[in-house]
Amino acid sequence: PRIFHVSSHGVRKDTWWHDGGDTLLFHRTDGGAALPEREEVVDVLGSCGDGLELLFLNACASVDLARYVANKLPGLKVICWQGRVHDACARCFARAFYNHVGEWPGGDVAVAFAAALAILRQEYVVGDPDPWPRQHVACLGNAKLPQGLPG
């Protein structure tokens, strides 16, 4: 594959119940959670072959994992979220990114990133929504609050 896309939860290393570094969180079929080690992520990506150009981590707080992967696989570009991101915002950014990739197959993913960011800025306030200013939610609505910060 040219692009490896992951949509999941992201877990920060400072979460009280997880101290193994920023990673992804997947729901298992038995109802539990799976938190892969960062090296496991690198191993999976390494098995994808030489054509892999981009890892798209559509998960909250995935920037440290992105940096780790980029350090281990220097030729790989990585898109991630720097902090929390709301689901609708993450979908908007991914949809805009893949619309651009679909219109220009084989094109530069950096150009697709810039195009998606421009569309995201039209729809949302770009910025980390954590901490969420809850006292203002009722009067401003979601479109006026920071929804996510892609990196």
C-alpha atoms as a PDB file:
ATOM      1  CA  PRO A   1       0.000   0.000   0.000  1.00  0.00           C
ATOM      2  CA  ARG A   2       0.993   3.622  -0.503  1.00  0.00           C
ATOM      3  CA  ILE A   3      -0.902   4.885   2.564  1.00  0.00           C
ATOM      4  CA  PHE A   4      -1.495   3.040   5.830  1.00  0.00           C
ATOM      5  CA  HIS A   5      -4.485   4.608   7.593  1.00  0.00           C
ATOM      6  CA  VAL A   6      -5.301   4.036  11.259  1.00  0.00           C
ATOM      7  CA  SER A   7      -8.490   5.356  12.845  1.00  0.00           C
ATOM      8  CA  SER A   8      -8.554   4.599  16.533  1.00  0.00           C
ATOM      9  CA  HIS A   9      -8.336   6.111  19.954  1.00  0.00           C
ATOM     10  CA  GLY A  10      -5.021   7.579  21.001  1.00  0.00           C
ATOM     11  CA  VAL A  11      -3.676   7.190  24.521  1.00  0.00           C
ATOM     12  CA  ARG A  12      -1.322   9.718  26.066  1.00  0.00           C
ATOM     13  CA  LYS A  13       1.624   8.462  28.036  1.00  0.00           C
ATOM     14  CA  ASP A  14       0.527  10.515  31.042  1.00  0.00           C
ATOM     15  CA  THR A  15      -2.804   8.721  31.343  1.00  0.00           C
ATOM     16  CA  TRP A  16      -3.076   7.357  34.884  1.00  0.00           C
ATOM     17  CA  TRP A  17      -3.768   3.799  33.710  1.00  0.00           C
ATOM     18  CA  HIS A  18      -1.110   3.620  30.969  1.00  0.00           C
ATOM     19  CA  ASP A  19       2.560   4.419  31.391  1.00  0.00           C
ATOM     20  CA  GLY A  20       4.089   2.817  28.284  1.00  0.00           C
ATOM     21  CA  GLY A  21       4.304   5.895  26.056  1.00  0.00           C
ATOM     22  CA  ASP A  22       1.761   7.348  23.651  1.00  0.00           C
ATOM     23  CA  THR A  23       0.109   4.630  21.622  1.00  0.00           C
ATOM     24  CA  LEU A  24      -3.127   3.587  19.964  1.00  0.00           C
ATOM     25  CA  LEU A  25      -6.088   1.973  21.656  1.00  0.00           C
ATOM     26  CA  PHE A  26      -8.129  -0.661  19.852  1.00  0.00           C
ATOM     27  CA  HIS A  27     -11.298  -2.338  21.071  1.00  0.00           C
ATOM     28  CA  ARG A  28     -11.008  -6.122  21.127  1.00  0.00           C
ATOM     29  CA  THR A  29     -13.899  -8.401  20.238  1.00  0.00           C
ATOM     30  CA  ASP A  30     -14.056  -9.578  23.866  1.00  0.00           C
ATOM     31  CA  GLY A  31     -14.748  -5.994  25.011  1.00  0.00           C
ATOM     32  CA  GLY A  32     -11.241  -5.359  26.307  1.00  0.00           C
ATOM     33  CA  ALA A  33      -8.673  -2.936  25.008  1.00  0.00           C
ATOM     34  CA  ALA A  34      -5.496  -3.578  23.045  1.00  0.00           C
ATOM     35  CA  LEU A  35      -2.625  -1.092  23.354  1.00  0.00           C
ATOM     36  CA  PRO A  36       0.128  -2.068  20.941  1.00  0.00           C
ATOM     37  CA  GLU A  37       3.709  -1.240  21.846  1.00  0.00           C
ATOM     38  CA  ARG A  38       5.221   1.413  19.610  1.00  0.00           C
ATOM     39  CA  GLU A  39       7.734  -1.106  18.262  1.00  0.00           C
ATOM     40  CA  GLU A  40       4.849  -3.363  17.199  1.00  0.00           C
ATOM     41  CA  VAL A  41       3.481  -0.485  15.117  1.00  0.00           C
ATOM     42  CA  VAL A  42       6.906  -0.042  13.503  1.00  0.00           C
ATOM     43  CA  ASP A  43       7.116  -3.798  12.788  1.00  0.00           C
ATOM     44  CA  VAL A  44       3.721  -3.829  11.056  1.00  0.00           C
ATOM     45  CA  LEU A  45       4.648  -0.805   8.939  1.00  0.00           C
ATOM     46  CA  GLY A  46       8.034  -2.299   8.097  1.00  0.00           C
ATOM     47  CA  SER A  47       6.308  -5.393   6.730  1.00  0.00           C
ATOM     48  CA  CYS A  48       4.305  -3.286   4.244  1.00  0.00           C
ATOM     49  CA  GLY A  49       7.195  -3.028   1.783  1.00  0.00           C
ATOM     50  CA  ASP A  50       9.048  -0.256   0.035  1.00  0.00           C
ATOM     51  CA  GLY A  51       5.973   1.372  -1.520  1.00  0.00           C
ATOM     52  CA  LEU A  52       4.634   2.647   1.787  1.00  0.00           C
ATOM     53  CA  GLU A  53       4.831   6.435   1.672  1.00  0.00           C
ATOM     54  CA  LEU A  54       2.550   7.639   4.472  1.00  0.00           C
ATOM     55  CA  LEU A  55       1.158   6.628   7.836  1.00  0.00           C
ATOM     56  CA  PHE A  56      -2.067   8.486   8.654  1.00  0.00           C
ATOM     57  CA  LEU A  57      -2.741   8.274  12.406  1.00  0.00           C
ATOM     58  CA  ASN A  58      -6.298   9.546  12.757  1.00  0.00           C
ATOM     59  CA  ALA A  59      -6.211   9.285  16.543  1.00  0.00           C
ATOM     60  CA  CYS A  60      -6.014  11.712  19.449  1.00  0.00           C
ATOM     61  CA  ALA A  61      -2.604  12.506  20.897  1.00  0.00           C
ATOM     62  CA  SER A  62      -0.733  10.545  18.239  1.00  0.00           C
ATOM     63  CA  VAL A  63       2.141  13.011  17.737  1.00  0.00           C
ATOM     64  CA  ASP A  64       4.658  11.202  19.968  1.00  0.00           C
ATOM     65  CA  LEU A  65       3.921   7.902  18.248  1.00  0.00           C
ATOM     66  CA  ALA A  66       4.266   9.678  14.898  1.00  0.00           C
ATOM     67  CA  ARG A  67       7.687  11.025  15.874  1.00  0.00           C
ATOM     68  CA  TYR A  68       8.776   7.600  17.094  1.00  0.00           C
ATOM     69  CA  VAL A  69       7.710   5.932  13.835  1.00  0.00           C
ATOM     70  CA  ALA A  70       9.314   8.666  11.710  1.00  0.00           C
ATOM     71  CA  ASN A  71      12.563   8.218  13.643  1.00  0.00           C
ATOM     72  CA  LYS A  72      12.523   4.433  13.152  1.00  0.00           C
ATOM     73  CA  LEU A  73      11.377   4.585   9.499  1.00  0.00           C
ATOM     74  CA  PRO A  74      12.990   7.797   8.205  1.00  0.00           C
ATOM     75  CA  GLY A  75      11.565   7.612   4.679  1.00  0.00           C
ATOM     76  CA  LEU A  76       7.984   7.405   5.921  1.00  0.00           C
ATOM     77  CA  LYS A  77       5.820  10.535   6.198  1.00  0.00           C
ATOM     78  CA  VAL A  78       3.331  10.626   9.064  1.00  0.00           C
ATOM     79  CA  ILE A  79       0.122  12.585   9.599  1.00  0.00           C
ATOM     80  CA  CYS A  80      -1.174  12.700  13.160  1.00  0.00           C
ATOM     81  CA  TRP A  81      -3.096  14.783  15.683  1.00  0.00           C
ATOM     82  CA  GLN A  82      -1.136  16.830  18.191  1.00  0.00           C
ATOM     83  CA  GLY A  83      -3.741  16.600  20.951  1.00  0.00           C
ATOM     84  CA  ARG A  84      -7.371  15.627  21.229  1.00  0.00           C
ATOM     85  CA  VAL A  85      -9.581  15.757  18.172  1.00  0.00           C
ATOM     86  CA  HIS A  86     -13.331  15.474  17.919  1.00  0.00           C
ATOM     87  CA  ASP A  87     -14.673  12.727  15.673  1.00  0.00           C
ATOM     88  CA  ALA A  88     -16.416  15.004  13.177  1.00  0.00           C
ATOM     89  CA  CYS A  89     -13.274  17.106  12.797  1.00  0.00           C
ATOM     90  CA  ALA A  90     -11.117  13.999  12.253  1.00  0.00           C
ATOM     91  CA  ARG A  91     -13.567  12.739   9.620  1.00  0.00           C
ATOM     92  CA  CYS A  92     -13.628  16.131   7.882  1.00  0.00           C
ATOM     93  CA  PHE A  93      -9.836  16.247   7.651  1.00  0.00           C
ATOM     94  CA  ALA A  94      -9.534  12.636   6.457  1.00  0.00           C
ATOM     95  CA  ARG A  95     -12.302  13.096   3.870  1.00  0.00           C
ATOM     96  CA  ALA A  96     -10.651  16.244   2.487  1.00  0.00           C
ATOM     97  CA  PHE A  97      -7.238  14.568   2.434  1.00  0.00           C
ATOM     98  CA  TYR A  98      -8.470  11.486   0.570  1.00  0.00           C
ATOM     99  CA  ASN A  99     -10.598  13.545  -1.817  1.00  0.00           C
ATOM    100  CA  HIS A 100      -7.387  15.310  -2.838  1.00  0.00           C
ATOM    101  CA  VAL A 101      -5.424  12.041  -3.059  1.00  0.00           C
ATOM    102  CA  GLY A 102      -8.218  10.558  -5.179  1.00  0.00           C
ATOM    103  CA  GLU A 103      -8.209  13.493  -7.580  1.00  0.00           C
ATOM    104  CA  TRP A 104      -4.415  13.374  -7.985  1.00  0.00           C
ATOM    105  CA  PRO A 105      -3.337   9.718  -7.620  1.00  0.00           C
ATOM    106  CA  GLY A 106       0.398   9.512  -7.087  1.00  0.00           C
ATOM    107  CA  GLY A 107       0.516  13.190  -6.119  1.00  0.00           C
ATOM    108  CA  ASP A 108       2.480  14.672  -3.243  1.00  0.00           C
ATOM    109  CA  VAL A 109       0.870  13.827   0.106  1.00  0.00           C
ATOM    110  CA  ALA A 110       2.191  17.119   1.526  1.00  0.00           C
ATOM    111  CA  VAL A 111       0.025  18.963  -1.002  1.00  0.00           C
ATOM    112  CA  ALA A 112      -2.960  16.794  -0.007  1.00  0.00           C
ATOM    113  CA  PHE A 113      -2.246  17.616   3.658  1.00  0.00           C
ATOM    114  CA  ALA A 114      -2.196  21.360   2.905  1.00  0.00           C
ATOM    115  CA  ALA A 115      -5.440  21.105   0.928  1.00  0.00           C
ATOM    116  CA  ALA A 116      -7.128  19.159   3.738  1.00  0.00           C
ATOM    117  CA  LEU A 117      -5.924  21.661   6.327  1.00  0.00           C
ATOM    118  CA  ALA A 118      -7.362  24.527   4.274  1.00  0.00           C
ATOM    119  CA  ILE A 119     -10.754  22.801   4.143  1.00  0.00           C
ATOM    120  CA  LEU A 120     -10.562  21.986   7.846  1.00  0.00           C
ATOM    121  CA  ARG A 121      -9.969  25.671   8.637  1.00  0.00           C
ATOM    122  CA  GLN A 122     -13.138  26.550   6.699  1.00  0.00           C
ATOM    123  CA  GLU A 123     -15.229  24.150   8.780  1.00  0.00           C
ATOM    124  CA  TYR A 124     -13.615  24.189  12.229  1.00  0.00           C
ATOM    125  CA  VAL A 125     -11.489  26.222  14.591  1.00  0.00           C
ATOM    126  CA  VAL A 126      -8.093  24.514  14.481  1.00  0.00           C
ATOM    127  CA  GLY A 127      -6.574  23.965  17.912  1.00  0.00           C
ATOM    128  CA  ASP A 128      -6.393  21.522  20.790  1.00  0.00           C
ATOM    129  CA  PRO A 129      -9.827  21.225  22.451  1.00  0.00           C
ATOM    130  CA  ASP A 130      -8.264  20.063  25.727  1.00  0.00           C
ATOM    131  CA  PRO A 131      -9.188  21.484  28.164  1.00  0.00           C
ATOM    132  CA  TRP A 132     -12.636  21.949  26.723  1.00  0.00           C
ATOM    133  CA  PRO A 133     -14.212  25.261  27.855  1.00  0.00           C
ATOM    134  CA  ARG A 134     -17.431  23.589  28.916  1.00  0.00           C
ATOM    135  CA  GLN A 135     -19.086  26.713  30.301  1.00  0.00           C
ATOM    136  CA  HIS A 136     -19.237  28.193  26.794  1.00  0.00           C
ATOM    137  CA  VAL A 137     -20.506  25.172  24.862  1.00  0.00           C
ATOM    138  CA  ALA A 138     -24.182  26.107  24.993  1.00  0.00           C
ATOM    139  CA  CYS A 139     -23.752  29.641  23.679  1.00  0.00           C
ATOM    140  CA  LEU A 140     -21.023  29.127  21.069  1.00  0.00           C
ATOM    141  CA  GLY A 141     -21.707  25.727  19.551  1.00  0.00           C
ATOM    142  CA  ASN A 142     -19.062  23.252  18.431  1.00  0.00           C
ATOM    143  CA  ALA A 143     -18.038  25.180  15.314  1.00  0.00           C
ATOM    144  CA  LYS A 144     -16.685  28.048  17.475  1.00  0.00           C
ATOM    145  CA  LEU A 145     -14.497  25.872  19.706  1.00  0.00           C
ATOM    146  CA  PRO A 146     -11.133  24.286  18.907  1.00  0.00           C
ATOM    147  CA  GLN A 147     -11.755  20.859  17.419  1.00  0.00           C
ATOM    148  CA  GLY A 148      -8.288  19.437  16.698  1.00  0.00           C
ATOM    149  CA  LEU A 149      -4.772  20.268  15.544  1.00  0.00           C
ATOM    150  CA  PRO A 150      -3.324  18.075  12.799  1.00  0.00           C
ATOM    151  CA  GLY A 151       0.413  17.593  12.628  1.00  0.00           C
END
